[in-house]
Amino acid sequence: MSKKFAYRNGADESTMAEYRLYRVDKEGHISEAAVIVSCEDDDAAIAEAKQYVDGVAIEVWDRDRRVAVLPSTE
């Protein structure tokens, strides 16, 4: 059985959305490949992204929508 993904459009609550987390350097450039996480909603994706903040900012994306920017801890 394949994993089912949906975006927050009133779809079944048991579905998860796929978010991309990007590490962004001080010049605003993406510094490596995205980390893909599956979360129930934006708040859960932001909470997941917080563990990746370490010397660089993290951008959280849902498809073509930027959900949040978490600033660097340095």
N, C-alpha and C. Protein backbone atom coordinates (compact mmCIF):
# COMPACT_ATOMS: atom_id res chain seq x y z
N MET A 1 0.84 -1.17 0.00
CA MET A 1 0.00 0.00 0.00
C MET A 1 0.89 1.23 0.00
N SER A 2 0.59 2.20 -0.86
CA SER A 2 1.40 3.40 -0.92
C SER A 2 0.96 4.42 0.15
N LYS A 3 1.88 5.26 0.54
CA LYS A 3 1.60 6.28 1.53
C LYS A 3 0.78 7.39 0.90
N LYS A 4 -0.21 7.86 1.61
CA LYS A 4 -1.13 8.85 1.08
C LYS A 4 -0.77 10.24 1.63
N PHE A 5 -0.65 11.22 0.74
CA PHE A 5 -0.37 12.58 1.14
C PHE A 5 -1.50 13.49 0.69
N ALA A 6 -1.80 14.47 1.51
CA ALA A 6 -2.83 15.46 1.16
C ALA A 6 -2.42 16.79 1.74
N TYR A 7 -2.96 17.84 1.23
CA TYR A 7 -2.68 19.18 1.72
C TYR A 7 -3.92 19.72 2.41
N ARG A 8 -3.72 20.62 3.32
CA ARG A 8 -4.78 21.11 4.17
C ARG A 8 -5.91 21.75 3.39
N ASN A 9 -6.77 20.94 2.85
CA ASN A 9 -7.91 21.43 2.07
C ASN A 9 -9.20 20.75 2.53
N GLY A 10 -9.21 20.33 3.78
CA GLY A 10 -10.40 19.65 4.30
C GLY A 10 -10.39 18.17 4.01
N ALA A 11 -9.28 17.65 3.52
CA ALA A 11 -9.20 16.22 3.23
C ALA A 11 -9.22 15.42 4.53
N ASP A 12 -9.29 14.14 4.39
CA ASP A 12 -9.31 13.23 5.52
C ASP A 12 -8.18 13.55 6.50
N GLU A 13 -8.49 13.63 7.80
CA GLU A 13 -7.52 14.03 8.82
C GLU A 13 -6.40 13.01 9.00
N SER A 14 -6.59 11.79 8.54
CA SER A 14 -5.55 10.78 8.72
C SER A 14 -4.43 10.91 7.70
N THR A 15 -4.58 11.80 6.72
CA THR A 15 -3.54 11.96 5.71
C THR A 15 -2.47 12.93 6.21
N MET A 16 -1.28 12.77 5.68
CA MET A 16 -0.15 13.61 6.07
C MET A 16 0.29 14.43 4.86
N ALA A 17 0.83 15.60 5.13
CA ALA A 17 1.37 16.44 4.06
C ALA A 17 2.89 16.29 4.04
N GLU A 18 3.46 16.45 2.87
CA GLU A 18 4.90 16.36 2.71
C GLU A 18 5.47 17.78 2.67
N TYR A 19 6.36 18.09 3.60
CA TYR A 19 7.00 19.41 3.68
C TYR A 19 8.47 19.27 3.34
N ARG A 20 9.05 20.34 2.80
CA ARG A 20 10.48 20.38 2.52
C ARG A 20 11.13 21.39 3.46
N LEU A 21 12.24 21.01 4.05
CA LEU A 21 13.00 21.88 4.94
C LEU A 21 14.32 22.19 4.25
N TYR A 22 14.60 23.48 4.08
CA TYR A 22 15.84 23.91 3.42
C TYR A 22 16.73 24.65 4.41
N ARG A 23 18.02 24.30 4.42
CA ARG A 23 19.03 25.04 5.18
C ARG A 23 19.45 26.22 4.31
N VAL A 24 19.41 27.43 4.89
CA VAL A 24 19.70 28.65 4.14
C VAL A 24 20.87 29.36 4.80
N ASP A 25 21.92 29.66 4.01
CA ASP A 25 23.10 30.31 4.58
C ASP A 25 22.86 31.81 4.81
N LYS A 26 23.85 32.50 5.34
CA LYS A 26 23.72 33.91 5.70
C LYS A 26 23.46 34.81 4.49
N GLU A 27 23.84 34.36 3.31
CA GLU A 27 23.59 35.12 2.09
C GLU A 27 22.21 34.83 1.49
N GLY A 28 21.47 33.94 2.11
CA GLY A 28 20.13 33.60 1.64
C GLY A 28 20.08 32.50 0.60
N HIS A 29 21.18 31.76 0.44
CA HIS A 29 21.23 30.67 -0.53
C HIS A 29 20.97 29.33 0.14
N ILE A 30 20.26 28.47 -0.56
CA ILE A 30 20.04 27.11 -0.07
C ILE A 30 21.38 26.40 -0.07
N SER A 31 21.74 25.80 1.05
CA SER A 31 23.08 25.24 1.19
C SER A 31 23.18 23.74 0.95
N GLU A 32 22.07 23.04 0.89
CA GLU A 32 22.09 21.60 0.61
C GLU A 32 20.70 21.13 0.21
N ALA A 33 20.59 19.86 -0.13
CA ALA A 33 19.31 19.30 -0.55
C ALA A 33 18.28 19.38 0.57
N ALA A 34 17.03 19.45 0.18
CA ALA A 34 15.94 19.55 1.15
C ALA A 34 15.81 18.28 1.97
N VAL A 35 15.37 18.46 3.20
CA VAL A 35 14.97 17.35 4.05
C VAL A 35 13.46 17.25 3.91
N ILE A 36 12.95 16.07 3.62
CA ILE A 36 11.51 15.86 3.44
C ILE A 36 10.94 15.30 4.73
N VAL A 37 9.88 15.94 5.25
CA VAL A 37 9.21 15.45 6.45
C VAL A 37 7.72 15.36 6.17
N SER A 38 7.07 14.39 6.78
CA SER A 38 5.62 14.23 6.67
C SER A 38 5.00 14.67 7.98
N CYS A 39 4.08 15.64 7.89
CA CYS A 39 3.46 16.20 9.10
C CYS A 39 1.97 16.43 8.85
N GLU A 40 1.22 16.51 9.94
CA GLU A 40 -0.21 16.70 9.83
C GLU A 40 -0.60 18.10 9.40
N ASP A 41 0.20 19.12 9.81
CA ASP A 41 -0.15 20.49 9.48
C ASP A 41 1.09 21.38 9.58
N ASP A 42 0.90 22.68 9.30
CA ASP A 42 2.01 23.63 9.32
C ASP A 42 2.69 23.68 10.68
N ASP A 43 1.92 23.72 11.75
CA ASP A 43 2.50 23.80 13.09
C ASP A 43 3.40 22.61 13.39
N ALA A 44 2.99 21.43 13.00
CA ALA A 44 3.80 20.24 13.22
C ALA A 44 5.08 20.29 12.38
N ALA A 45 4.99 20.81 11.16
CA ALA A 45 6.17 20.93 10.31
C ALA A 45 7.16 21.93 10.89
N ILE A 46 6.66 23.03 11.42
CA ILE A 46 7.53 24.03 12.05
C ILE A 46 8.21 23.44 13.27
N ALA A 47 7.47 22.71 14.07
CA ALA A 47 8.05 22.07 15.25
C ALA A 47 9.15 21.08 14.84
N GLU A 48 8.92 20.32 13.79
CA GLU A 48 9.91 19.38 13.28
C GLU A 48 11.15 20.12 12.78
N ALA A 49 10.94 21.24 12.10
CA ALA A 49 12.06 22.01 11.53
C ALA A 49 12.96 22.61 12.60
N LYS A 50 12.43 22.88 13.77
CA LYS A 50 13.23 23.51 14.82
C LYS A 50 14.45 22.69 15.21
N GLN A 51 14.39 21.37 15.05
CA GLN A 51 15.54 20.55 15.39
C GLN A 51 16.69 20.70 14.39
N TYR A 52 16.45 21.28 13.23
CA TYR A 52 17.46 21.46 12.20
C TYR A 52 18.15 22.82 12.26
N VAL A 53 17.65 23.74 13.07
CA VAL A 53 18.23 25.08 13.18
C VAL A 53 19.52 24.97 13.99
N ASP A 54 20.65 25.22 13.33
CA ASP A 54 21.95 25.14 14.01
C ASP A 54 22.97 25.88 13.16
N GLY A 55 23.09 27.17 13.38
CA GLY A 55 24.06 27.95 12.63
C GLY A 55 23.56 28.45 11.28
N VAL A 56 22.43 27.95 10.83
CA VAL A 56 21.83 28.40 9.58
C VAL A 56 20.32 28.53 9.78
N ALA A 57 19.69 29.33 8.96
CA ALA A 57 18.23 29.45 8.99
C ALA A 57 17.61 28.24 8.29
N ILE A 58 16.38 27.95 8.62
CA ILE A 58 15.62 26.88 7.98
C ILE A 58 14.36 27.47 7.38
N GLU A 59 14.12 27.16 6.11
CA GLU A 59 12.85 27.53 5.47
C GLU A 59 12.00 26.27 5.37
N VAL A 60 10.73 26.42 5.72
CA VAL A 60 9.76 25.33 5.66
C VAL A 60 8.82 25.60 4.49
N TRP A 61 8.72 24.63 3.58
CA TRP A 61 7.89 24.80 2.38
C TRP A 61 6.85 23.68 2.27
N ASP A 62 5.67 24.07 1.83
CA ASP A 62 4.59 23.15 1.47
C ASP A 62 4.30 23.41 0.00
N ARG A 63 4.82 22.54 -0.85
CA ARG A 63 4.76 22.73 -2.30
C ARG A 63 5.42 24.06 -2.66
N ASP A 64 4.67 25.00 -3.25
CA ASP A 64 5.24 26.29 -3.63
C ASP A 64 4.93 27.40 -2.61
N ARG A 65 4.47 27.02 -1.44
CA ARG A 65 4.12 27.98 -0.38
C ARG A 65 5.15 27.93 0.75
N ARG A 66 5.79 29.08 0.99
CA ARG A 66 6.72 29.13 2.11
C ARG A 66 5.90 29.29 3.38
N VAL A 67 6.05 28.33 4.27
CA VAL A 67 5.28 28.26 5.51
C VAL A 67 5.92 29.11 6.60
N ALA A 68 7.26 29.00 6.73
CA ALA A 68 7.95 29.71 7.81
C ALA A 68 9.44 29.81 7.49
N VAL A 69 10.07 30.79 8.14
CA VAL A 69 11.53 30.91 8.14
C VAL A 69 11.95 30.91 9.61
N LEU A 70 12.77 29.95 9.97
CA LEU A 70 13.29 29.86 11.33
C LEU A 70 14.70 30.42 11.31
N PRO A 71 14.97 31.49 12.03
CA PRO A 71 16.29 32.12 11.98
C PRO A 71 17.37 31.24 12.61
N SER A 72 18.60 31.52 12.21
CA SER A 72 19.76 30.82 12.77
C SER A 72 19.86 31.07 14.26
N THR A 73 20.42 30.10 14.98
CA THR A 73 20.60 30.27 16.42
C THR A 73 21.91 30.98 16.73
N GLU A 74 22.71 31.25 15.71
CA GLU A 74 23.99 31.96 15.92
C GLU A 74 23.88 33.41 15.54
